[in-house]
PDB file of N, CA and C in Angstrom:
ATOM      1  N   ARG A   1     170.065  35.529-198.049  1.00  0.00           N
ATOM      2  CA  ARG A   1     170.558  36.818-198.518  1.00  0.00           C
ATOM      3  C   ARG A   1     169.559  37.915-198.190  1.00  0.00           C
ATOM      4  N   CYS A   2     168.299  37.534-198.014  1.00  0.00           N
ATOM      5  CA  CYS A   2     167.295  38.569-197.731  1.00  0.00           C
ATOM      6  C   CYS A   2     167.520  39.213-196.363  1.00  0.00           C
ATOM      7  N   CYS A   3     168.283  38.584-195.505  1.00  0.00           N
ATOM      8  CA  CYS A   3     168.559  39.133-194.172  1.00  0.00           C
ATOM      9  C   CYS A   3     169.862  39.929-194.132  1.00  0.00           C
ATOM     10  N   GLY A   4     170.456  40.161-195.302  1.00  0.00           N
ATOM     11  CA  GLY A   4     171.669  40.958-195.359  1.00  0.00           C
ATOM     12  C   GLY A   4     172.952  40.146-195.250  1.00  0.00           C
ATOM     13  N   LEU A   5     172.866  38.836-195.326  1.00  0.00           N
ATOM     14  CA  LEU A   5     174.066  38.007-195.250  1.00  0.00           C
ATOM     15  C   LEU A   5     174.722  37.915-196.625  1.00  0.00           C
ATOM     16  N   SER A   6     176.036  37.807-196.604  1.00  0.00           N
ATOM     17  CA  SER A   6     176.748  37.573-197.861  1.00  0.00           C
ATOM     18  C   SER A   6     176.485  36.131-198.289  1.00  0.00           C
ATOM     19  N   PRO A   7     176.776  35.796-199.550  1.00  0.00           N
ATOM     20  CA  PRO A   7     176.549  34.412-199.975  1.00  0.00           C
ATOM     21  C   PRO A   7     177.309  33.386-199.130  1.00  0.00           C
ATOM     22  N   MET A   8     178.551  33.680-198.778  1.00  0.00           N
ATOM     23  CA  MET A   8     179.317  32.727-197.949  1.00  0.00           C
ATOM     24  C   MET A   8     178.755  32.625-196.538  1.00  0.00           C
ATOM     25  N   ALA A   9     178.354  33.751-195.982  1.00  0.00           N
ATOM     26  CA  ALA A   9     177.766  33.734-194.636  1.00  0.00           C
ATOM     27  C   ALA A   9     176.450  32.959-194.652  1.00  0.00           C
ATOM     28  N   ALA A  10     175.664  33.136-195.702  1.00  0.00           N
ATOM     29  CA  ALA A  10     174.407  32.393-195.814  1.00  0.00           C
ATOM     30  C   ALA A  10     174.677  30.895-195.925  1.00  0.00           C
ATOM     31  N   LEU A  11     175.712  30.538-196.674  1.00  0.00           N
ATOM     32  CA  LEU A  11     176.072  29.126-196.808  1.00  0.00           C
ATOM     33  C   LEU A  11     176.459  28.533-195.467  1.00  0.00           C
ATOM     34  N   TRP A  12     177.341  29.205-194.726  1.00  0.00           N
ATOM     35  CA  TRP A  12     177.849  28.670-193.466  1.00  0.00           C
ATOM     36  C   TRP A  12     176.850  28.774-192.323  1.00  0.00           C
ATOM     37  N   ARG A  13     176.024  29.809-192.308  1.00  0.00           N
ATOM     38  CA  ARG A  13     175.117  30.019-191.181  1.00  0.00           C
ATOM     39  C   ARG A  13     173.723  29.443-191.384  1.00  0.00           C
ATOM     40  N   VAL A  14     173.317  29.262-192.649  1.00  0.00           N
ATOM     41  CA  VAL A  14     171.955  28.805-192.908  1.00  0.00           C
ATOM     42  C   VAL A  14     171.937  27.458-193.633  1.00  0.00           C
ATOM     43  N   ASP A  15     172.542  27.417-194.799  1.00  0.00           N
ATOM     44  CA  ASP A  15     172.424  26.226-195.653  1.00  0.00           C
ATOM     45  C   ASP A  15     173.078  24.987-195.055  1.00  0.00           C
ATOM     46  N   LEU A  16     174.346  25.084-194.679  1.00  0.00           N
ATOM     47  CA  LEU A  16     175.046  23.903-194.169  1.00  0.00           C
ATOM     48  C   LEU A  16     174.471  23.365-192.857  1.00  0.00           C
ATOM     49  N   PRO A  17     174.134  24.220-191.879  1.00  0.00           N
ATOM     50  CA  PRO A  17     173.500  23.662-190.668  1.00  0.00           C
ATOM     51  C   PRO A  17     172.192  22.941-190.952  1.00  0.00           C
ATOM     52  N   LEU A  18     171.420  23.436-191.914  1.00  0.00           N
ATOM     53  CA  LEU A  18     170.164  22.766-192.248  1.00  0.00           C
ATOM     54  C   LEU A  18     170.401  21.469-193.017  1.00  0.00           C
ATOM     55  N   ALA A  19     171.445  21.427-193.827  1.00  0.00           N
ATOM     56  CA  ALA A  19     171.725  20.251-194.648  1.00  0.00           C
ATOM     57  C   ALA A  19     172.541  19.205-193.903  1.00  0.00           C
ATOM     58  N   TRP A  20     173.158  19.561-192.781  1.00  0.00           N
ATOM     59  CA  TRP A  20     174.080  18.663-192.074  1.00  0.00           C
ATOM     60  C   TRP A  20     173.483  17.287-191.762  1.00  0.00           C
ATOM     61  N   PRO A  21     172.278  17.179-191.189  1.00  0.00           N
ATOM     62  CA  PRO A  21     171.741  15.838-190.903  1.00  0.00           C
ATOM     63  C   PRO A  21     171.586  14.986-192.162  1.00  0.00           C
ATOM     64  N   GLY A  22     171.160  15.579-193.248  1.00  0.00           N
ATOM     65  CA  GLY A  22     171.012  14.832-194.499  1.00  0.00           C
ATOM     66  C   GLY A  22     172.343  14.393-195.071  1.00  0.00           C
ATOM     67  N   VAL A  23     173.348  15.261-194.959  1.00  0.00           N
ATOM     68  CA  VAL A  23     174.681  14.923-195.464  1.00  0.00           C
ATOM     69  C   VAL A  23     175.276  13.779-194.657  1.00  0.00           C
ATOM     70  N   VAL A  24     175.160  13.843-193.344  1.00  0.00           N
ATOM     71  CA  VAL A  24     175.697  12.774-192.488  1.00  0.00           C
ATOM     72  C   VAL A  24     174.958  11.469-192.746  1.00  0.00           C
ATOM     73  N   THR A  25     173.645  11.533-192.875  1.00  0.00           N
ATOM     74  CA  THR A  25     172.867  10.330-193.154  1.00  0.00           C
ATOM     75  C   THR A  25     173.271   9.717-194.485  1.00  0.00           C
ATOM     76  N   ALA A  26     173.485  10.545-195.498  1.00  0.00           N
ATOM     77  CA  ALA A  26     173.920  10.041-196.804  1.00  0.00           C
ATOM     78  C   ALA A  26     175.286   9.374-196.704  1.00  0.00           C
ATOM     79  N   MET A  27     176.185   9.953-195.929  1.00  0.00           N
ATOM     80  CA  MET A  27     177.512   9.355-195.768  1.00  0.00           C
ATOM     81  C   MET A  27     177.416   7.996-195.075  1.00  0.00           C
ATOM     82  N   VAL A  28     176.591   7.911-194.035  1.00  0.00           N
ATOM     83  CA  VAL A  28     176.451   6.646-193.306  1.00  0.00           C
ATOM     84  C   VAL A  28     175.808   5.580-194.177  1.00  0.00           C
ATOM     85  N   LEU A  29     174.764   5.949-194.903  1.00  0.00           N
ATOM     86  CA  LEU A  29     174.117   4.972-195.779  1.00  0.00           C
ATOM     87  C   LEU A  29     175.066   4.510-196.885  1.00  0.00           C
ATOM     88  N   THR A  30     175.861   5.409-197.399  1.00  0.00           N
ATOM     89  CA  THR A  30     176.848   5.032-198.409  1.00  0.00           C
ATOM     90  C   THR A  30     177.860   4.064-197.819  1.00  0.00           C
ATOM     91  N   PHE A  31     178.324   4.347-196.605  1.00  0.00           N
ATOM     92  CA  PHE A  31     179.276   3.471-195.930  1.00  0.00           C
ATOM     93  C   PHE A  31     178.670   2.093-195.686  1.00  0.00           C
ATOM     94  N   ALA A  32     177.436   2.057-195.166  1.00  0.00           N
ATOM     95  CA  ALA A  32     176.775   0.777-194.891  1.00  0.00           C
ATOM     96  C   ALA A  32     176.530   0.000-196.178  1.00  0.00           C
ATOM     97  N   HIS A  33     176.155   0.692-197.230  1.00  0.00           N
ATOM     98  CA  HIS A  33     175.931   0.035-198.520  1.00  0.00           C
ATOM     99  C   HIS A  33     177.232  -0.548-199.066  1.00  0.00           C
ATOM    100  N   THR A  34     178.303   0.183-198.904  1.00  0.00           N
ATOM    101  CA  THR A  34     179.599  -0.274-199.391  1.00  0.00           C
ATOM    102  C   THR A  34     180.060  -1.520-198.647  1.00  0.00           C
ATOM    103  N   LEU A  35     179.762  -1.602-197.354  1.00  0.00           N
ATOM    104  CA  LEU A  35     180.151  -2.784-196.592  1.00  0.00           C
ATOM    105  C   LEU A  35     179.477  -4.044-197.130  1.00  0.00           C
ATOM    106  N   GLY A  36     178.278  -3.876-197.657  1.00  0.00           N
ATOM    107  CA  GLY A  36     177.531  -5.025-198.144  1.00  0.00           C
ATOM    108  C   GLY A  36     177.791  -5.390-199.592  1.00  0.00           C
ATOM    109  N   GLU A  37     178.569  -4.609-200.269  1.00  0.00           N
ATOM    110  CA  GLU A  37     178.822  -4.859-201.691  1.00  0.00           C
ATOM    111  C   GLU A  37     179.950  -5.874-201.873  1.00  0.00           C
ATOM    112  N   PHE A  38     179.620  -7.112-201.775  1.00  0.00           N
ATOM    113  CA  PHE A  38     180.652  -8.137-201.901  1.00  0.00           C
ATOM    114  C   PHE A  38     180.915  -8.512-203.355  1.00  0.00           C
ATOM    115  N   GLY A  39     179.854  -8.721-204.105  1.00  0.00           N
ATOM    116  CA  GLY A  39     180.006  -9.194-205.477  1.00  0.00           C
ATOM    117  C   GLY A  39     180.826  -8.270-206.345  1.00  0.00           C
ATOM    118  N   ILE A  40     180.534  -6.995-206.271  1.00  0.00           N
ATOM    119  CA  ILE A  40     181.263  -6.054-207.116  1.00  0.00           C
ATOM    120  C   ILE A  40     182.715  -5.934-206.678  1.00  0.00           C
ATOM    121  N   VAL A  41     182.951  -6.042-205.386  1.00  0.00           N
ATOM    122  CA  VAL A  41     184.329  -5.983-204.895  1.00  0.00           C
ATOM    123  C   VAL A  41     185.113  -7.174-205.415  1.00  0.00           C
ATOM    124  N   LEU A  42     184.482  -8.329-205.401  1.00  0.00           N
ATOM    125  CA  LEU A  42     185.159  -9.539-205.864  1.00  0.00           C
ATOM    126  C   LEU A  42     185.413  -9.478-207.367  1.00  0.00           C
ATOM    127  N   MET A  43     184.450  -8.938-208.110  1.00  0.00           N
ATOM    128  CA  MET A  43     184.611  -8.859-209.569  1.00  0.00           C
ATOM    129  C   MET A  43     185.636  -7.807-209.978  1.00  0.00           C
ATOM    130  N   VAL A  44     185.515  -6.618-209.416  1.00  0.00           N
ATOM    131  CA  VAL A  44     186.364  -5.512-209.851  1.00  0.00           C
ATOM    132  C   VAL A  44     187.713  -5.529-209.136  1.00  0.00           C
ATOM    133  N   GLY A  45     187.678  -5.600-207.834  1.00  0.00           N
ATOM    134  CA  GLY A  45     188.924  -5.549-207.063  1.00  0.00           C
ATOM    135  C   GLY A  45     189.650  -6.868-207.034  1.00  0.00           C
ATOM    136  N   GLY A  46     188.882  -7.943-207.076  1.00  0.00           N
ATOM    137  CA  GLY A  46     189.499  -9.259-207.010  1.00  0.00           C
ATOM    138  C   GLY A  46     190.125  -9.508-205.652  1.00  0.00           C
ATOM    139  N   SER A  47     190.923 -10.520-205.605  1.00  0.00           N
ATOM    140  CA  SER A  47     191.619 -10.857-204.371  1.00  0.00           C
ATOM    141  C   SER A  47     193.064 -11.163-204.708  1.00  0.00           C
ATOM    142  N   ILE A  48     193.822 -10.152-204.968  1.00  0.00           N
ATOM    143  CA  ILE A  48     195.240 -10.326-205.272  1.00  0.00           C
ATOM    144  C   ILE A  48     195.978 -10.435-203.941  1.00  0.00           C
ATOM    145  N   PRO A  49     196.593 -11.591-203.676  1.00  0.00           N
ATOM    146  CA  PRO A  49     197.260 -11.772-202.381  1.00  0.00           C
ATOM    147  C   PRO A  49     198.293 -10.679-202.109  1.00  0.00           C
ATOM    148  N   GLY A  50     198.191 -10.084-200.921  1.00  0.00           N
ATOM    149  CA  GLY A  50     199.131  -9.058-200.516  1.00  0.00           C
ATOM    150  C   GLY A  50     198.824  -7.667-201.049  1.00  0.00           C
ATOM    151  N   GLU A  51     197.795  -7.530-201.900  1.00  0.00           N
ATOM    152  CA  GLU A  51     197.499  -6.215-202.473  1.00  0.00           C
ATOM    153  C   GLU A  51     196.068  -5.753-202.236  1.00  0.00           C
ATOM    154  N   THR A  52     195.087  -6.559-202.630  1.00  0.00           N
ATOM    155  CA  THR A  52     193.695  -6.121-202.546  1.00  0.00           C
ATOM    156  C   THR A  52     192.889  -7.067-201.663  1.00  0.00           C
ATOM    157  N   LYS A  53     192.982  -6.876-200.376  1.00  0.00           N
ATOM    158  CA  LYS A  53     192.228  -7.713-199.448  1.00  0.00           C
ATOM    159  C   LYS A  53     191.248  -6.835-198.688  1.00  0.00           C
ATOM    160  N   THR A  54     189.964  -7.020-198.960  1.00  0.00           N
ATOM    161  CA  THR A  54     188.941  -6.307-198.201  1.00  0.00           C
ATOM    162  C   THR A  54     188.379  -7.259-197.155  1.00  0.00           C
ATOM    163  N   ILE A  55     187.646  -6.701-196.193  1.00  0.00           N
ATOM    164  CA  ILE A  55     187.114  -7.558-195.139  1.00  0.00           C
ATOM    165  C   ILE A  55     186.079  -8.529-195.692  1.00  0.00           C
ATOM    166  N   ALA A  56     185.316  -8.113-196.708  1.00  0.00           N
ATOM    167  CA  ALA A  56     184.317  -9.008-197.298  1.00  0.00           C
ATOM    168  C   ALA A  56     184.995 -10.213-197.949  1.00  0.00           C
ATOM    169  N   ILE A  57     186.081  -9.971-198.649  1.00  0.00           N
ATOM    170  CA  ILE A  57     186.811 -11.076-199.285  1.00  0.00           C
ATOM    171  C   ILE A  57     187.505 -11.926-198.230  1.00  0.00           C
ATOM    172  N   ALA A  58     188.002 -11.292-197.176  1.00  0.00           N
ATOM    173  CA  ALA A  58     188.651 -12.051-196.101  1.00  0.00           C
ATOM    174  C   ALA A  58     187.651 -12.984-195.422  1.00  0.00           C
ATOM    175  N   ILE A  59     186.428 -12.513-195.197  1.00  0.00           N
ATOM    176  CA  ILE A  59     185.395 -13.365-194.606  1.00  0.00           C
ATOM    177  C   ILE A  59     185.068 -14.520-195.547  1.00  0.00           C
ATOM    178  N   TYR A  60     184.930 -14.204-196.813  1.00  0.00           N
ATOM    179  CA  TYR A  60     184.657 -15.234-197.818  1.00  0.00           C
ATOM    180  C   TYR A  60     185.765 -16.287-197.839  1.00  0.00           C
ATOM    181  N   ASP A  61     187.013 -15.842-197.812  1.00  0.00           N
ATOM    182  CA  ASP A  61     188.145 -16.784-197.793  1.00  0.00           C
ATOM    183  C   ASP A  61     188.129 -17.662-196.545  1.00  0.00           C
ATOM    184  N   ARG A  62     187.779 -17.077-195.412  1.00  0.00           N
ATOM    185  CA  ARG A  62     187.721 -17.859-194.165  1.00  0.00           C
ATOM    186  C   ARG A  62     186.616 -18.911-194.234  1.00  0.00           C
ATOM    187  N   VAL A  63     185.468 -18.548-194.786  1.00  0.00           N
ATOM    188  CA  VAL A  63     184.375 -19.514-194.918  1.00  0.00           C
ATOM    189  C   VAL A  63     184.788 -20.640-195.864  1.00  0.00           C
ATOM    190  N   GLN A  64     185.428 -20.289-196.971  1.00  0.00           N
ATOM    191  CA  GLN A  64     185.879 -21.302-197.923  1.00  0.00           C
ATOM    192  C   GLN A  64     186.939 -22.214-197.315  1.00  0.00           C
ATOM    193  N   GLY A  65     187.713 -21.683-196.364  1.00  0.00           N
ATOM    194  CA  GLY A  65     188.736 -22.478-195.691  1.00  0.00           C
ATOM    195  C   GLY A  65     188.221 -23.182-194.448  1.00  0.00           C
ATOM    196  N   PHE A  66     186.897 -23.188-194.251  1.00  0.00           N
ATOM    197  CA  PHE A  66     186.242 -23.834-193.104  1.00  0.00           C
ATOM    198  C   PHE A  66     186.684 -23.265-191.759  1.00  0.00           C
ATOM    199  N   ASP A  67     187.082 -22.003-191.739  1.00  0.00           N
ATOM    200  CA  ASP A  67     187.413 -21.309-190.493  1.00  0.00           C
ATOM    201  C   ASP A  67     186.186 -20.511-190.072  1.00  0.00           C
ATOM    202  N   ASP A  68     185.170 -21.232-189.606  1.00  0.00           N
ATOM    203  CA  ASP A  68     183.903 -20.592-189.262  1.00  0.00           C
ATOM    204  C   ASP A  68     184.039 -19.615-188.100  1.00  0.00           C
ATOM    205  N   LYS A  69     184.888 -19.943-187.135  1.00  0.00           N
ATOM    206  CA  LYS A  69     185.061 -19.056-185.984  1.00  0.00           C
ATOM    207  C   LYS A  69     185.684 -17.727-186.415  1.00  0.00           C
ATOM    208  N   GLY A  70     186.705 -17.788-187.250  1.00  0.00           N
ATOM    209  CA  GLY A  70     187.337 -16.563-187.749  1.00  0.00           C
ATOM    210  C   GLY A  70     186.386 -15.728-188.585  1.00  0.00           C
ATOM    211  N   ALA A  71     185.604 -16.397-189.441  1.00  0.00           N
ATOM    212  CA  ALA A  71     184.629 -15.692-190.276  1.00  0.00           C
ATOM    213  C   ALA A  71     183.549 -15.047-189.414  1.00  0.00           C
ATOM    214  N   ALA A  72     183.104 -15.758-188.389  1.00  0.00           N
ATOM    215  CA  ALA A  72     182.070 -15.217-187.498  1.00  0.00           C
ATOM    216  C   ALA A  72     182.606 -14.013-186.723  1.00  0.00           C
ATOM    217  N   THR A  73     183.846 -14.088-186.274  1.00  0.00           N
ATOM    218  CA  THR A  73     184.448 -12.974-185.551  1.00  0.00           C
ATOM    219  C   THR A  73     184.557 -11.740-186.441  1.00  0.00           C
ATOM    220  N   MET A  74     185.045 -11.946-187.659  1.00  0.00           N
ATOM    221  CA  MET A  74     185.170 -10.822-188.583  1.00  0.00           C
ATOM    222  C   MET A  74     183.796 -10.249-188.931  1.00  0.00           C
ATOM    223  N   SER A  75     182.810 -11.097-189.110  1.00  0.00           N
ATOM    224  CA  SER A  75     181.457 -10.636-189.411  1.00  0.00           C
ATOM    225  C   SER A  75     180.880  -9.849-188.242  1.00  0.00           C
ATOM    226  N   ALA A  76     181.127 -10.324-187.028  1.00  0.00           N
ATOM    227  CA  ALA A  76     180.630  -9.622-185.841  1.00  0.00           C
ATOM    228  C   ALA A  76     181.270  -8.233-185.730  1.00  0.00           C
ATOM    229  N   VAL A  77     182.555  -8.147-186.030  1.00  0.00           N
ATOM    230  CA  VAL A  77     183.228  -6.849-186.000  1.00  0.00           C
ATOM    231  C   VAL A  77     182.618  -5.921-187.051  1.00  0.00           C
ATOM    232  N   LEU A  78     182.355  -6.457-188.218  1.00  0.00           N
ATOM    233  CA  LEU A  78     181.750  -5.665-189.291  1.00  0.00           C
ATOM    234  C   LEU A  78     180.361  -5.175-188.901  1.00  0.00           C
ATOM    235  N   VAL A  79     179.566  -6.033-188.293  1.00  0.00           N
ATOM    236  CA  VAL A  79     178.222  -5.640-187.845  1.00  0.00           C
ATOM    237  C   VAL A  79     178.326  -4.602-186.726  1.00  0.00           C
ATOM    238  N   ALA A  80     179.269  -4.791-185.809  1.00  0.00           N
ATOM    239  CA  ALA A  80     179.445  -3.826-184.715  1.00  0.00           C
ATOM    240  C   ALA A  80     179.833  -2.457-185.253  1.00  0.00           C
ATOM    241  N   ILE A  81     180.729  -2.414-186.226  1.00  0.00           N
ATOM    242  CA  ILE A  81     181.120  -1.140-186.834  1.00  0.00           C
ATOM    243  C   ILE A  81     179.912  -0.490-187.503  1.00  0.00           C
ATOM    244  N   SER A  82     179.135  -1.280-188.217  1.00  0.00           N
ATOM    245  CA  SER A  82     177.950  -0.742-188.893  1.00  0.00           C
ATOM    246  C   SER A  82     176.938  -0.194-187.891  1.00  0.00           C
ATOM    247  N   LEU A  83     176.652  -0.951-186.839  1.00  0.00           N
ATOM    248  CA  LEU A  83     175.688  -0.504-185.835  1.00  0.00           C
ATOM    249  C   LEU A  83     176.181   0.746-185.108  1.00  0.00           C
ATOM    250  N   PHE A  84     177.470   0.787-184.798  1.00  0.00           N
ATOM    251  CA  PHE A  84     178.043   1.967-184.148  1.00  0.00           C
ATOM    252  C   PHE A  84     177.908   3.193-185.042  1.00  0.00           C
ATOM    253  N   THR A  85     178.180   3.018-186.322  1.00  0.00           N
ATOM    254  CA  THR A  85     178.100   4.130-187.261  1.00  0.00           C
ATOM    255  C   THR A  85     176.667   4.634-187.387  1.00  0.00           C
ATOM    256  N   ILE A  86     175.711   3.722-187.461  1.00  0.00           N
ATOM    257  CA  ILE A  86     174.303   4.125-187.552  1.00  0.00           C
ATOM    258  C   ILE A  86     173.851   4.807-186.261  1.00  0.00           C
ATOM    259  N   ALA A  87     174.254   4.264-185.111  1.00  0.00           N
ATOM    260  CA  ALA A  87     173.890   4.880-183.831  1.00  0.00           C
ATOM    261  C   ALA A  87     174.497   6.275-183.714  1.00  0.00           C
ATOM    262  N   LEU A  88     175.739   6.433-184.146  1.00  0.00           N
ATOM    263  CA  LEU A  88     176.388   7.734-184.119  1.00  0.00           C
ATOM    264  C   LEU A  88     175.646   8.730-185.009  1.00  0.00           C
ATOM    265  N   THR A  89     175.184   8.262-186.140  1.00  0.00           N
ATOM    266  CA  THR A  89     174.435   9.134-187.044  1.00  0.00           C
ATOM    267  C   THR A  89     173.135   9.595-186.404  1.00  0.00           C
ATOM    268  N   TYR A  90     172.408   8.679-185.792  1.00  0.00           N
ATOM    269  CA  TYR A  90     171.165   9.056-185.129  1.00  0.00           C
ATOM    270  C   TYR A  90     171.432  10.042-183.991  1.00  0.00           C
ATOM    271  N   TRP A  91     172.490   9.800-183.238  1.00  0.00           N
ATOM    272  CA  TRP A  91     172.837  10.682-182.125  1.00  0.00           C
ATOM    273  C   TRP A  91     173.184  12.079-182.632  1.00  0.00           C
ATOM    274  N   LEU A  92     174.023  12.141-183.678  1.00  0.00           N
ATOM    275  CA  LEU A  92     174.394  13.438-184.234  1.00  0.00           C
ATOM    276  C   LEU A  92     173.185  14.150-184.837  1.00  0.00           C
ATOM    277  N   SER A  93     172.327  13.395-185.501  1.00  0.00           N
ATOM    278  CA  SER A  93     171.120  13.990-186.087  1.00  0.00           C
ATOM    279  C   SER A  93     170.234  14.591-184.999  1.00  0.00           C
ATOM    280  N   ALA A  94     170.053  13.867-183.916  1.00  0.00           N
ATOM    281  CA  ALA A  94     169.219  14.361-182.816  1.00  0.00           C
ATOM    282  C   ALA A  94     169.858  15.588-182.177  1.00  0.00           C
ATOM    283  N   ARG A  95     171.153  15.555-182.017  1.00  0.00           N
ATOM    284  CA  ARG A  95     171.855  16.677-181.390  1.00  0.00           C
ATOM    285  C   ARG A  95     171.785  17.929-182.263  1.00  0.00           C
ATOM    286  N   VAL A  96     172.026  17.779-183.540  1.00  0.00           N
ATOM    287  CA  VAL A  96     171.961  18.914-184.462  1.00  0.00           C
ATOM    288  C   VAL A  96     170.520  19.398-184.580  1.00  0.00           C
ATOM    289  N   GLY A  97     169.576  18.466-184.603  1.00  0.00           N
ATOM    290  CA  GLY A  97     168.168  18.840-184.686  1.00  0.00           C
ATOM    291  C   GLY A  97     167.713  19.657-183.493  1.00  0.00           C
ATOM    292  N   ARG A  98     168.173  19.296-182.298  1.00  0.00           N
ATOM    293  CA  ARG A  98     167.825  20.061-181.101  1.00  0.00           C
ATOM    294  C   ARG A  98     168.422  21.459-181.146  1.00  0.00           C
ATOM    295  N   ARG A  99     169.643  21.543-181.681  1.00  0.00           N
ATOM    296  CA  ARG A  99     170.325  22.834-181.741  1.00  0.00           C
ATOM    297  C   ARG A  99     169.636  23.781-182.726  1.00  0.00           C
ATOM    298  N   LEU A 100     169.061  23.217-183.790  1.00  0.00           N
ATOM    299  CA  LEU A 100     168.418  24.052-184.800  1.00  0.00           C
ATOM    300  C   LEU A 100     167.003  24.466-184.409  1.00  0.00           C
ATOM    301  N   SER A 101     166.415  23.758-183.455  1.00  0.00           N
ATOM    302  CA  SER A 101     165.020  24.066-183.056  1.00  0.00           C
ATOM    303  C   SER A 101     164.954  25.299-182.196  1.00  0.00           C
TER     304      SER A 101
END
């Protein structure tokens, strides 16, 4: 505001561009943390056939059914999604960081 910007202009031109890398990083970490939360999903969401099937429970069911290949495939997809999301975050952070410098 000291430069003559209105509060909304200051928010859009100063605050949000500076906060963007932190916001994106928080979203990615939240997403990655959620992927790993198996116990709470099983306790709270349960596994109601046809209604509440998450990938963590699906992997667990495959392991319990001795379908190791299916469980490994699903786990690999989950890891690939996580790695892609983290790589995208680093790329966006670097790109935004260069633009702000």
